[in-house]
Amino acid sequence: MTAMGFDAPGGPEVFRPETLPVPVPGPMQVLIKVDHAGVNRPDVIQRQGFYPPPPGASPIPGLEVSGTVVAIGEGAAPEMLNRRVCALVSGGGYAEYCLAHAGHCLHVPHGMDMAAAAAIPETLFTVWHNVFERGWARDGETLLVHGGTSGIGTMAIQLAKEFGLSVVTTAGSEDKCEAARRIGADLAINYKTEDFVEQVNAFTDGRGADVVLDMVSGDYVQRNLDCLAVDGRHVTIAVLRGLKAEINMAKLMSKRQTMTGSTLRPRSDEFKALLADEIYNHAWPLFEDGTIAPVMDEIFPLAEVSAAHARMEAGDHIGKIVLKVGNG
């Protein structure tokens, strides 16, 4: 099979095709003939040399795919063979074939485009776990999500609205703010021209957001806490502005705020399977009936993965960037 890998970390140009054996599924695994693969920020960070795959995972980037199950390993349900699925994977998505844990697959409903299916798993699993499980978000509350037009942001806006939350988001231009509003954000703030702390507090009549989904970290953390409500929850999933933050612990104590965070890729297969089950029962029906669909930016052929990464790094995209892998 053909896969897109790299010999050494670097810029988008380091990608080159390589020929690898088609992997063989082990216990509880399925082999997917890949139709499309999603491009995500962790792929970029891995290519830059800062996010190595966990032990046992493929060194080929790619954390989500759509395609058809063409082989199954011991313990995987026989009825999965020939099924159209999308899957969360720990690596290997930028290839013609990819292994996935059987419990990390979601069936692709009739009528769903396979490019859209590949754009769902990474963001859906991440948002569901961090907003609703770690952040305990519930109807009637307010969510602040940074990067509202990113893949994570667009997914968070849609899910939160469907589960009865008000959503405030930030973006870096008025065009992106308008896109976030079209997707469903109640308030979109241009962080380059407006103080999001002031805007969030004004929008909530001084109460603050109940949950912050933070992809920025660094000097944003204290600002997030300054517009986080009493008993609010701050959930960090990325550190784009730095690994360290200085915060006022007295303020945190006085408002009884909770800080947490997570990374999904190194979690156990058992954890991800349980997460997939919860998503299938509570969120997947919204995708099956078309209530929620991923916001799509651009689709690149697998051979043009360098261009796809360059687009992501430029920051001009709105929604998901996807690679076309299969010939169908």
C-alpha atoms as a PDB file:
ATOM      1  CA  MET A   1       0.000   0.000   0.000  1.00  0.00           C
ATOM      2  CA  THR A   2       0.970   3.640  -0.388  1.00  0.00           C
ATOM      3  CA  ALA A   3       1.303   5.814   2.712  1.00  0.00           C
ATOM      4  CA  MET A   4       2.529   9.353   3.300  1.00  0.00           C
ATOM      5  CA  GLY A   5       5.317   9.510   5.859  1.00  0.00           C
ATOM      6  CA  PHE A   6       8.468  11.497   6.539  1.00  0.00           C
ATOM      7  CA  ASP A   7      12.073  10.680   7.377  1.00  0.00           C
ATOM      8  CA  ALA A   8      12.705  13.533   9.814  1.00  0.00           C
ATOM      9  CA  PRO A   9      10.588  16.238  11.451  1.00  0.00           C
ATOM     10  CA  GLY A  10      10.183  19.503   9.591  1.00  0.00           C
ATOM     11  CA  GLY A  11       7.815  21.621   7.543  1.00  0.00           C
ATOM     12  CA  PRO A  12       4.958  20.361   5.372  1.00  0.00           C
ATOM     13  CA  GLU A  13       7.409  19.619   2.565  1.00  0.00           C
ATOM     14  CA  VAL A  14       8.956  16.660   4.432  1.00  0.00           C
ATOM     15  CA  PHE A  15       6.114  14.322   3.457  1.00  0.00           C
ATOM     16  CA  ARG A  16       6.938  11.707   0.839  1.00  0.00           C
ATOM     17  CA  PRO A  17       5.155   8.562  -0.365  1.00  0.00           C
ATOM     18  CA  GLU A  18       6.344   5.189   0.783  1.00  0.00           C
ATOM     19  CA  THR A  19       5.300   1.620   0.023  1.00  0.00           C
ATOM     20  CA  LEU A  20       4.438  -0.464   3.087  1.00  0.00           C
ATOM     21  CA  PRO A  21       2.921  -3.902   3.658  1.00  0.00           C
ATOM     22  CA  VAL A  22      -0.830  -3.902   4.195  1.00  0.00           C
ATOM     23  CA  PRO A  23      -1.245  -4.347   7.966  1.00  0.00           C
ATOM     24  CA  VAL A  24      -2.895  -7.466   9.385  1.00  0.00           C
ATOM     25  CA  PRO A  25      -5.593  -6.993  12.029  1.00  0.00           C
ATOM     26  CA  GLY A  26      -4.867  -8.414  15.459  1.00  0.00           C
ATOM     27  CA  PRO A  27      -7.330  -9.274  18.228  1.00  0.00           C
ATOM     28  CA  MET A  28     -10.315  -6.870  18.295  1.00  0.00           C
ATOM     29  CA  GLN A  29      -8.962  -4.970  15.281  1.00  0.00           C
ATOM     30  CA  VAL A  30     -10.394  -4.366  11.825  1.00  0.00           C
ATOM     31  CA  LEU A  31      -8.595  -3.450   8.606  1.00  0.00           C
ATOM     32  CA  ILE A  32     -10.136  -0.471   6.827  1.00  0.00           C
ATOM     33  CA  LYS A  33      -9.632   0.255   3.141  1.00  0.00           C
ATOM     34  CA  VAL A  34      -9.372   4.004   3.565  1.00  0.00           C
ATOM     35  CA  ASP A  35     -11.612   6.284   1.529  1.00  0.00           C
ATOM     36  CA  HIS A  36     -10.792   9.587   3.262  1.00  0.00           C
ATOM     37  CA  ALA A  37      -8.621  10.656   6.200  1.00  0.00           C
ATOM     38  CA  GLY A  38      -9.035  13.724   8.399  1.00  0.00           C
ATOM     39  CA  VAL A  39      -6.213  16.208   8.966  1.00  0.00           C
ATOM     40  CA  ASN A  40      -5.879  17.471  12.522  1.00  0.00           C
ATOM     41  CA  ARG A  41      -3.598  19.761  14.500  1.00  0.00           C
ATOM     42  CA  PRO A  42      -1.949  16.810  16.313  1.00  0.00           C
ATOM     43  CA  ASP A  43      -0.825  15.533  12.886  1.00  0.00           C
ATOM     44  CA  VAL A  44       0.961  18.838  12.321  1.00  0.00           C
ATOM     45  CA  ILE A  45       2.592  18.691  15.737  1.00  0.00           C
ATOM     46  CA  GLN A  46       3.699  15.098  15.110  1.00  0.00           C
ATOM     47  CA  ARG A  47       5.235  16.109  11.777  1.00  0.00           C
ATOM     48  CA  GLN A  48       7.081  18.917  13.556  1.00  0.00           C
ATOM     49  CA  GLY A  49       8.585  16.360  15.942  1.00  0.00           C
ATOM     50  CA  PHE A  50       6.732  17.296  19.130  1.00  0.00           C
ATOM     51  CA  TYR A  51       4.017  14.620  19.371  1.00  0.00           C
ATOM     52  CA  PRO A  52       5.369  11.096  18.868  1.00  0.00           C
ATOM     53  CA  PRO A  53       2.858   8.269  18.428  1.00  0.00           C
ATOM     54  CA  PRO A  54       2.129   6.202  21.541  1.00  0.00           C
ATOM     55  CA  PRO A  55       3.792   2.778  21.887  1.00  0.00           C
ATOM     56  CA  GLY A  56       2.449   0.301  19.362  1.00  0.00           C
ATOM     57  CA  ALA A  57       0.801   2.915  17.127  1.00  0.00           C
ATOM     58  CA  SER A  58       1.676   3.415  13.483  1.00  0.00           C
ATOM     59  CA  PRO A  59       4.316   6.108  12.872  1.00  0.00           C
ATOM     60  CA  ILE A  60       2.257   7.262   9.874  1.00  0.00           C
ATOM     61  CA  PRO A  61       0.152  10.327  10.837  1.00  0.00           C
ATOM     62  CA  GLY A  62      -3.627  10.361  10.684  1.00  0.00           C
ATOM     63  CA  LEU A  63      -6.036  10.017  13.606  1.00  0.00           C
ATOM     64  CA  GLU A  64      -9.361   9.484  11.823  1.00  0.00           C
ATOM     65  CA  VAL A  65     -10.484   7.705   8.683  1.00  0.00           C
ATOM     66  CA  SER A  66     -13.548   6.617   6.765  1.00  0.00           C
ATOM     67  CA  GLY A  67     -13.703   3.546   4.572  1.00  0.00           C
ATOM     68  CA  THR A  68     -14.795  -0.065   4.275  1.00  0.00           C
ATOM     69  CA  VAL A  69     -13.843  -2.918   6.604  1.00  0.00           C
ATOM     70  CA  VAL A  70     -12.067  -5.522   4.463  1.00  0.00           C
ATOM     71  CA  ALA A  71     -10.672  -7.844   7.146  1.00  0.00           C
ATOM     72  CA  ILE A  72     -11.337  -8.533  10.829  1.00  0.00           C
ATOM     73  CA  GLY A  73      -9.191  -9.870  13.643  1.00  0.00           C
ATOM     74  CA  GLU A  74     -10.052 -12.334  16.342  1.00  0.00           C
ATOM     75  CA  GLY A  75     -12.863 -11.135  18.568  1.00  0.00           C
ATOM     76  CA  ALA A  76     -14.194  -8.484  16.177  1.00  0.00           C
ATOM     77  CA  ALA A  77     -17.846  -8.948  15.234  1.00  0.00           C
ATOM     78  CA  PRO A  78     -18.147 -10.825  11.905  1.00  0.00           C
ATOM     79  CA  GLU A  79     -20.919  -8.493  10.755  1.00  0.00           C
ATOM     80  CA  MET A  80     -18.393  -5.648  10.607  1.00  0.00           C
ATOM     81  CA  LEU A  81     -16.877  -7.143   7.442  1.00  0.00           C
ATOM     82  CA  ASN A  82     -17.743  -5.009   4.378  1.00  0.00           C
ATOM     83  CA  ARG A  83     -19.339  -2.334   6.595  1.00  0.00           C
ATOM     84  CA  ARG A  84     -18.791   1.353   5.851  1.00  0.00           C
ATOM     85  CA  VAL A  85     -17.300   2.924   8.973  1.00  0.00           C
ATOM     86  CA  CYS A  86     -15.492   5.935  10.289  1.00  0.00           C
ATOM     87  CA  ALA A  87     -12.982   5.375  13.045  1.00  0.00           C
ATOM     88  CA  LEU A  88     -10.792   7.049  15.612  1.00  0.00           C
ATOM     89  CA  VAL A  89      -7.277   5.631  15.245  1.00  0.00           C
ATOM     90  CA  SER A  90      -3.975   6.184  17.046  1.00  0.00           C
ATOM     91  CA  GLY A  91      -2.083   6.681  13.784  1.00  0.00           C
ATOM     92  CA  GLY A  92      -1.828   5.338  10.258  1.00  0.00           C
ATOM     93  CA  GLY A  93      -4.651   7.287   8.635  1.00  0.00           C
ATOM     94  CA  TYR A  94      -2.546   8.756   5.812  1.00  0.00           C
ATOM     95  CA  ALA A  95      -2.460   5.419   3.974  1.00  0.00           C
ATOM     96  CA  GLU A  96      -4.531   3.228   1.691  1.00  0.00           C
ATOM     97  CA  TYR A  97      -5.233   0.769   4.514  1.00  0.00           C
ATOM     98  CA  CYS A  98      -5.446   1.433   8.248  1.00  0.00           C
ATOM     99  CA  LEU A  99      -5.993  -0.661  11.368  1.00  0.00           C
ATOM    100  CA  ALA A 100      -8.632   0.361  13.872  1.00  0.00           C
ATOM    101  CA  HIS A 101      -9.936  -1.106  17.102  1.00  0.00           C
ATOM    102  CA  ALA A 102     -13.365  -2.552  16.376  1.00  0.00           C
ATOM    103  CA  GLY A 103     -14.816  -0.669  19.332  1.00  0.00           C
ATOM    104  CA  HIS A 104     -13.582   2.685  18.010  1.00  0.00           C
ATOM    105  CA  CYS A 105     -15.599   2.499  14.783  1.00  0.00           C
ATOM    106  CA  LEU A 106     -18.940   4.140  14.047  1.00  0.00           C
ATOM    107  CA  HIS A 107     -21.070   2.925  11.151  1.00  0.00           C
ATOM    108  CA  VAL A 108     -21.514   5.445   8.342  1.00  0.00           C
ATOM    109  CA  PRO A 109     -25.252   5.895   7.751  1.00  0.00           C
ATOM    110  CA  HIS A 110     -26.728   5.654   4.279  1.00  0.00           C
ATOM    111  CA  GLY A 111     -26.483   8.986   2.531  1.00  0.00           C
ATOM    112  CA  MET A 112     -23.544  10.342   4.527  1.00  0.00           C
ATOM    113  CA  ASP A 113     -20.659  11.428   2.339  1.00  0.00           C
ATOM    114  CA  MET A 114     -17.457   9.527   3.119  1.00  0.00           C
ATOM    115  CA  ALA A 115     -15.399  12.732   3.142  1.00  0.00           C
ATOM    116  CA  ALA A 116     -17.706  14.119   5.830  1.00  0.00           C
ATOM    117  CA  ALA A 117     -17.536  10.830   7.739  1.00  0.00           C
ATOM    118  CA  ALA A 118     -13.738  11.070   7.908  1.00  0.00           C
ATOM    119  CA  ALA A 119     -14.041  14.583   9.351  1.00  0.00           C
ATOM    120  CA  ILE A 120     -16.014  13.471  12.398  1.00  0.00           C
ATOM    121  CA  PRO A 121     -14.283  11.035  14.800  1.00  0.00           C
ATOM    122  CA  GLU A 122     -11.331  13.021  16.192  1.00  0.00           C
ATOM    123  CA  THR A 123     -13.324  16.170  16.879  1.00  0.00           C
ATOM    124  CA  LEU A 124     -16.456  14.366  18.048  1.00  0.00           C
ATOM    125  CA  PHE A 125     -14.627  12.129  20.519  1.00  0.00           C
ATOM    126  CA  THR A 126     -12.550  15.068  21.781  1.00  0.00           C
ATOM    127  CA  VAL A 127     -15.453  17.476  22.221  1.00  0.00           C
ATOM    128  CA  TRP A 128     -17.793  14.929  23.771  1.00  0.00           C
ATOM    129  CA  HIS A 129     -15.265  13.809  26.360  1.00  0.00           C
ATOM    130  CA  ASN A 130     -13.949  17.248  27.277  1.00  0.00           C
ATOM    131  CA  VAL A 131     -17.101  19.381  27.162  1.00  0.00           C
ATOM    132  CA  PHE A 132     -19.655  16.912  28.493  1.00  0.00           C
ATOM    133  CA  GLU A 133     -17.670  14.401  30.534  1.00  0.00           C
ATOM    134  CA  ARG A 134     -14.789  16.423  31.941  1.00  0.00           C
ATOM    135  CA  GLY A 135     -16.531  19.803  31.736  1.00  0.00           C
ATOM    136  CA  TRP A 136     -19.918  18.504  32.958  1.00  0.00           C
ATOM    137  CA  ALA A 137     -21.700  20.864  30.567  1.00  0.00           C
ATOM    138  CA  ARG A 138     -25.479  20.788  30.783  1.00  0.00           C
ATOM    139  CA  ASP A 139     -28.450  22.564  29.283  1.00  0.00           C
ATOM    140  CA  GLY A 140     -28.913  26.176  30.263  1.00  0.00           C
ATOM    141  CA  GLU A 141     -25.196  26.797  30.757  1.00  0.00           C
ATOM    142  CA  THR A 142     -22.777  28.890  28.696  1.00  0.00           C
ATOM    143  CA  LEU A 143     -19.758  27.440  26.905  1.00  0.00           C
ATOM    144  CA  LEU A 144     -16.765  29.523  25.804  1.00  0.00           C
ATOM    145  CA  VAL A 145     -14.783  27.782  23.075  1.00  0.00           C
ATOM    146  CA  HIS A 146     -11.723  29.342  21.496  1.00  0.00           C
ATOM    147  CA  GLY A 147     -10.959  28.832  17.813  1.00  0.00           C
ATOM    148  CA  GLY A 148     -14.598  28.701  16.801  1.00  0.00           C
ATOM    149  CA  THR A 149     -13.917  27.987  13.132  1.00  0.00           C
ATOM    150  CA  SER A 150     -11.429  25.160  13.719  1.00  0.00           C
ATOM    151  CA  GLY A 151     -12.536  21.556  13.425  1.00  0.00           C
ATOM    152  CA  ILE A 152     -12.860  21.335  17.210  1.00  0.00           C
ATOM    153  CA  GLY A 153     -14.592  24.694  17.421  1.00  0.00           C
ATOM    154  CA  THR A 154     -17.184  23.996  14.755  1.00  0.00           C
ATOM    155  CA  MET A 155     -17.991  20.630  16.323  1.00  0.00           C
ATOM    156  CA  ALA A 156     -18.209  22.115  19.830  1.00  0.00           C
ATOM    157  CA  ILE A 157     -20.575  24.877  18.709  1.00  0.00           C
ATOM    158  CA  GLN A 158     -22.972  22.449  17.044  1.00  0.00           C
ATOM    159  CA  LEU A 159     -22.982  19.848  19.816  1.00  0.00           C
ATOM    160  CA  ALA A 160     -23.374  22.409  22.572  1.00  0.00           C
ATOM    161  CA  LYS A 161     -26.320  24.078  20.850  1.00  0.00           C
ATOM    162  CA  GLU A 162     -28.090  20.750  20.330  1.00  0.00           C
ATOM    163  CA  PHE A 163     -27.720  19.987  24.035  1.00  0.00           C
ATOM    164  CA  GLY A 164     -29.178  23.304  25.151  1.00  0.00           C
ATOM    165  CA  LEU A 165     -26.115  25.447  25.879  1.00  0.00           C
ATOM    166  CA  SER A 166     -25.411  29.028  24.909  1.00  0.00           C
ATOM    167  CA  VAL A 167     -22.123  29.293  23.017  1.00  0.00           C
ATOM    168  CA  VAL A 168     -19.563  32.086  22.955  1.00  0.00           C
ATOM    169  CA  THR A 169     -16.552  31.692  20.708  1.00  0.00           C
ATOM    170  CA  THR A 170     -13.496  33.596  19.540  1.00  0.00           C
ATOM    171  CA  ALA A 171     -11.969  33.895  16.071  1.00  0.00           C
ATOM    172  CA  GLY A 172      -9.314  35.990  14.383  1.00  0.00           C
ATOM    173  CA  SER A 173     -11.317  37.908  11.773  1.00  0.00           C
ATOM    174  CA  GLU A 174     -14.790  39.261  11.186  1.00  0.00           C
ATOM    175  CA  ASP A 175     -15.292  36.765   8.358  1.00  0.00           C
ATOM    176  CA  LYS A 176     -14.505  33.916  10.730  1.00  0.00           C
ATOM    177  CA  CYS A 177     -16.764  35.387  13.402  1.00  0.00           C
ATOM    178  CA  GLU A 178     -19.596  35.543  10.886  1.00  0.00           C
ATOM    179  CA  ALA A 179     -18.939  31.925   9.931  1.00  0.00           C
ATOM    180  CA  ALA A 180     -19.101  30.945  13.612  1.00  0.00           C
ATOM    181  CA  ARG A 181     -22.434  32.727  13.953  1.00  0.00           C
ATOM    182  CA  ARG A 182     -23.810  30.857  10.931  1.00  0.00           C
ATOM    183  CA  ILE A 183     -22.732  27.583  12.510  1.00  0.00           C
ATOM    184  CA  GLY A 184     -24.690  28.479  15.639  1.00  0.00           C
ATOM    185  CA  ALA A 185     -22.577  30.567  18.034  1.00  0.00           C
ATOM    186  CA  ASP A 186     -24.651  33.007  20.076  1.00  0.00           C
ATOM    187  CA  LEU A 187     -21.707  35.399  20.309  1.00  0.00           C
ATOM    188  CA  ALA A 188     -18.527  35.421  18.212  1.00  0.00           C
ATOM    189  CA  ILE A 189     -15.691  37.684  19.355  1.00  0.00           C
ATOM    190  CA  ASN A 190     -12.843  38.912  17.173  1.00  0.00           C
ATOM    191  CA  TYR A 191      -9.997  38.422  19.632  1.00  0.00           C
ATOM    192  CA  LYS A 192      -7.749  40.743  17.611  1.00  0.00           C
ATOM    193  CA  THR A 193     -10.019  43.762  18.071  1.00  0.00           C
ATOM    194  CA  GLU A 194     -12.078  42.961  21.198  1.00  0.00           C
ATOM    195  CA  ASP A 195     -11.321  41.845  24.757  1.00  0.00           C
ATOM    196  CA  PHE A 196     -13.002  38.468  25.052  1.00  0.00           C
ATOM    197  CA  VAL A 197     -13.028  38.685  28.859  1.00  0.00           C
ATOM    198  CA  GLU A 198     -15.101  41.869  28.750  1.00  0.00           C
ATOM    199  CA  GLN A 199     -17.363  40.492  26.034  1.00  0.00           C
ATOM    200  CA  VAL A 200     -18.058  37.189  27.815  1.00  0.00           C
ATOM    201  CA  ASN A 201     -18.817  38.929  31.095  1.00  0.00           C
ATOM    202  CA  ALA A 202     -21.111  41.417  29.347  1.00  0.00           C
ATOM    203  CA  PHE A 203     -22.923  38.643  27.462  1.00  0.00           C
ATOM    204  CA  THR A 204     -23.552  36.742  30.705  1.00  0.00           C
ATOM    205  CA  ASP A 205     -24.474  39.844  32.764  1.00  0.00           C
ATOM    206  CA  GLY A 206     -21.294  39.478  34.770  1.00  0.00           C
ATOM    207  CA  ARG A 207     -21.826  35.818  35.635  1.00  0.00           C
ATOM    208  CA  GLY A 208     -19.217  34.378  33.274  1.00  0.00           C
ATOM    209  CA  ALA A 209     -19.139  31.177  31.228  1.00  0.00           C
ATOM    210  CA  ASP A 210     -19.803  27.892  32.987  1.00  0.00           C
ATOM    211  CA  VAL A 211     -17.334  25.917  30.863  1.00  0.00           C
ATOM    212  CA  VAL A 212     -14.261  26.995  28.888  1.00  0.00           C
ATOM    213  CA  LEU A 213     -12.881  24.668  26.213  1.00  0.00           C
ATOM    214  CA  ASP A 214      -9.339  25.976  25.901  1.00  0.00           C
ATOM    215  CA  MET A 215      -7.030  25.150  22.991  1.00  0.00           C
ATOM    216  CA  VAL A 216      -4.726  28.104  23.633  1.00  0.00           C
ATOM    217  CA  SER A 217      -3.283  27.854  27.165  1.00  0.00           C
ATOM    218  CA  GLY A 218      -0.310  30.082  28.050  1.00  0.00           C
ATOM    219  CA  ASP A 219      -1.368  33.638  28.865  1.00  0.00           C
ATOM    220  CA  TYR A 220      -4.994  32.854  27.963  1.00  0.00           C
ATOM    221  CA  VAL A 221      -5.523  30.742  31.079  1.00  0.00           C
ATOM    222  CA  GLN A 222      -5.878  33.564  33.603  1.00  0.00           C
ATOM    223  CA  ARG A 223      -8.030  35.514  31.153  1.00  0.00           C
ATOM    224  CA  ASN A 224     -10.255  32.448  30.788  1.00  0.00           C
ATOM    225  CA  LEU A 225     -10.572  32.208  34.566  1.00  0.00           C
ATOM    226  CA  ASP A 226     -11.425  35.910  34.747  1.00  0.00           C
ATOM    227  CA  CYS A 227     -14.541  35.253  32.650  1.00  0.00           C
ATOM    228  CA  LEU A 228     -15.338  31.838  34.136  1.00  0.00           C
ATOM    229  CA  ALA A 229     -18.310  31.657  36.477  1.00  0.00           C
ATOM    230  CA  VAL A 230     -18.404  30.636  40.100  1.00  0.00           C
ATOM    231  CA  ASP A 231     -18.119  26.823  40.123  1.00  0.00           C
ATOM    232  CA  GLY A 232     -17.035  27.031  36.457  1.00  0.00           C
ATOM    233  CA  ARG A 233     -14.933  24.367  34.755  1.00  0.00           C
ATOM    234  CA  HIS A 234     -11.826  25.093  32.656  1.00  0.00           C
ATOM    235  CA  VAL A 235     -10.837  22.266  30.283  1.00  0.00           C
ATOM    236  CA  THR A 236      -7.550  22.447  28.338  1.00  0.00           C
ATOM    237  CA  ILE A 237      -7.035  20.296  25.240  1.00  0.00           C
ATOM    238  CA  ALA A 238      -4.106  22.068  23.511  1.00  0.00           C
ATOM    239  CA  VAL A 239      -1.301  24.495  24.325  1.00  0.00           C
ATOM    240  CA  LEU A 240      -0.889  26.648  21.217  1.00  0.00           C
ATOM    241  CA  ARG A 241       0.361  29.674  23.190  1.00  0.00           C
ATOM    242  CA  GLY A 242       2.633  27.837  25.584  1.00  0.00           C
ATOM    243  CA  LEU A 243       2.973  24.957  28.007  1.00  0.00           C
ATOM    244  CA  LYS A 244       2.972  27.095  31.152  1.00  0.00           C
ATOM    245  CA  ALA A 245       0.508  29.536  32.667  1.00  0.00           C
ATOM    246  CA  GLU A 246       0.620  31.844  35.671  1.00  0.00           C
ATOM    247  CA  ILE A 247      -2.677  32.069  37.517  1.00  0.00           C
ATOM    248  CA  ASN A 248      -4.083  33.810  40.562  1.00  0.00           C
ATOM    249  CA  MET A 249      -4.929  30.954  42.909  1.00  0.00           C
ATOM    250  CA  ALA A 250      -6.781  33.225  45.327  1.00  0.00           C
ATOM    251  CA  LYS A 251      -9.253  34.146  42.576  1.00  0.00           C
ATOM    252  CA  LEU A 252      -9.650  30.499  41.633  1.00  0.00           C
ATOM    253  CA  MET A 253     -10.395  29.535  45.223  1.00  0.00           C
ATOM    254  CA  SER A 254     -12.845  32.355  45.776  1.00  0.00           C
ATOM    255  CA  LYS A 255     -14.854  31.308  42.688  1.00  0.00           C
ATOM    256  CA  ARG A 256     -14.475  27.554  43.369  1.00  0.00           C
ATOM    257  CA  GLN A 257     -13.301  26.980  39.820  1.00  0.00           C
ATOM    258  CA  THR A 258     -12.148  23.595  38.532  1.00  0.00           C
ATOM    259  CA  MET A 259      -9.255  23.146  36.104  1.00  0.00           C
ATOM    260  CA  THR A 260      -8.745  19.960  34.127  1.00  0.00           C
ATOM    261  CA  GLY A 261      -7.582  18.792  30.730  1.00  0.00           C
ATOM    262  CA  SER A 262      -6.876  15.714  28.677  1.00  0.00           C
ATOM    263  CA  THR A 263      -5.216  14.182  25.636  1.00  0.00           C
ATOM    264  CA  LEU A 264      -7.167  11.455  23.899  1.00  0.00           C
ATOM    265  CA  ARG A 265      -4.560   9.667  21.784  1.00  0.00           C
ATOM    266  CA  PRO A 266      -2.700   7.808  24.574  1.00  0.00           C
ATOM    267  CA  ARG A 267      -5.851   6.669  26.409  1.00  0.00           C
ATOM    268  CA  SER A 268      -6.519   2.939  26.571  1.00  0.00           C
ATOM    269  CA  ASP A 269      -8.493   1.012  23.970  1.00  0.00           C
ATOM    270  CA  GLU A 270     -11.023   0.179  26.673  1.00  0.00           C
ATOM    271  CA  PHE A 271     -11.569   3.838  27.531  1.00  0.00           C
ATOM    272  CA  LYS A 272     -12.023   4.836  23.877  1.00  0.00           C
ATOM    273  CA  ALA A 273     -14.461   1.962  23.310  1.00  0.00           C
ATOM    274  CA  LEU A 274     -16.577   3.124  26.255  1.00  0.00           C
ATOM    275  CA  LEU A 275     -16.446   6.664  24.915  1.00  0.00           C
ATOM    276  CA  ALA A 276     -17.518   5.419  21.471  1.00  0.00           C
ATOM    277  CA  ASP A 277     -20.487   3.611  23.038  1.00  0.00           C
ATOM    278  CA  GLU A 278     -21.622   6.752  24.836  1.00  0.00           C
ATOM    279  CA  ILE A 279     -21.261   8.810  21.667  1.00  0.00           C
ATOM    280  CA  TYR A 280     -23.156   6.209  19.652  1.00  0.00           C
ATOM    281  CA  ASN A 281     -26.056   6.283  22.110  1.00  0.00           C
ATOM    282  CA  HIS A 282     -26.283  10.006  22.770  1.00  0.00           C
ATOM    283  CA  ALA A 283     -24.709  11.967  19.894  1.00  0.00           C
ATOM    284  CA  TRP A 284     -24.535   9.761  16.808  1.00  0.00           C
ATOM    285  CA  PRO A 285     -28.310   9.954  16.108  1.00  0.00           C
ATOM    286  CA  LEU A 286     -27.799  13.684  15.454  1.00  0.00           C
ATOM    287  CA  PHE A 287     -25.374  12.795  12.658  1.00  0.00           C
ATOM    288  CA  GLU A 288     -27.527   9.983  11.313  1.00  0.00           C
ATOM    289  CA  ASP A 289     -30.499  12.278  10.739  1.00  0.00           C
ATOM    290  CA  GLY A 290     -28.407  15.196   9.487  1.00  0.00           C
ATOM    291  CA  THR A 291     -29.080  17.499  12.447  1.00  0.00           C
ATOM    292  CA  ILE A 292     -25.302  17.908  12.816  1.00  0.00           C
ATOM    293  CA  ALA A 293     -22.775  17.638   9.978  1.00  0.00           C
ATOM    294  CA  PRO A 294     -19.093  18.508  10.024  1.00  0.00           C
ATOM    295  CA  VAL A 295     -18.155  21.874   8.568  1.00  0.00           C
ATOM    296  CA  MET A 296     -15.928  21.069   5.605  1.00  0.00           C
ATOM    297  CA  ASP A 297     -13.079  23.284   4.426  1.00  0.00           C
ATOM    298  CA  GLU A 298     -11.082  21.637   1.625  1.00  0.00           C
ATOM    299  CA  ILE A 299     -10.351  18.135   0.341  1.00  0.00           C
ATOM    300  CA  PHE A 300      -6.841  17.333  -0.914  1.00  0.00           C
ATOM    301  CA  PRO A 301      -5.604  14.171  -2.650  1.00  0.00           C
ATOM    302  CA  LEU A 302      -3.422  12.031  -0.396  1.00  0.00           C
ATOM    303  CA  ALA A 303      -0.396  12.880  -2.544  1.00  0.00           C
ATOM    304  CA  GLU A 304      -0.945  16.570  -1.716  1.00  0.00           C
ATOM    305  CA  VAL A 305      -0.804  16.133   2.048  1.00  0.00           C
ATOM    306  CA  SER A 306       1.944  18.787   2.201  1.00  0.00           C
ATOM    307  CA  ALA A 307      -0.492  21.353   0.818  1.00  0.00           C
ATOM    308  CA  ALA A 308      -3.136  20.244   3.303  1.00  0.00           C
ATOM    309  CA  HIS A 309      -0.734  20.776   6.207  1.00  0.00           C
ATOM    310  CA  ALA A 310       0.348  24.142   4.828  1.00  0.00           C
ATOM    311  CA  ARG A 311      -3.292  25.244   4.724  1.00  0.00           C
ATOM    312  CA  MET A 312      -3.847  24.180   8.312  1.00  0.00           C
ATOM    313  CA  GLU A 313      -0.740  25.992   9.502  1.00  0.00           C
ATOM    314  CA  ALA A 314      -1.747  29.159   7.629  1.00  0.00           C
ATOM    315  CA  GLY A 315      -4.886  29.297   9.774  1.00  0.00           C
ATOM    316  CA  ASP A 316      -7.225  30.374   6.978  1.00  0.00           C
ATOM    317  CA  HIS A 317      -9.385  27.244   7.015  1.00  0.00           C
ATOM    318  CA  ILE A 318     -12.939  27.108   8.338  1.00  0.00           C
ATOM    319  CA  GLY A 319     -13.877  23.622   9.483  1.00  0.00           C
ATOM    320  CA  LYS A 320     -12.197  20.371   8.560  1.00  0.00           C
ATOM    321  CA  ILE A 321      -9.416  19.636   6.073  1.00  0.00           C
ATOM    322  CA  VAL A 322      -9.626  16.120   4.638  1.00  0.00           C
ATOM    323  CA  LEU A 323      -7.481  13.881   2.407  1.00  0.00           C
ATOM    324  CA  LYS A 324      -8.991  11.825  -0.428  1.00  0.00           C
ATOM    325  CA  VAL A 325      -7.275   8.454  -0.258  1.00  0.00           C
ATOM    326  CA  GLY A 326      -9.427   5.926  -2.136  1.00  0.00           C
ATOM    327  CA  ASN A 327     -10.230   5.877  -5.831  1.00  0.00           C
ATOM    328  CA  GLY A 328     -13.977   5.476  -5.456  1.00  0.00           C
END
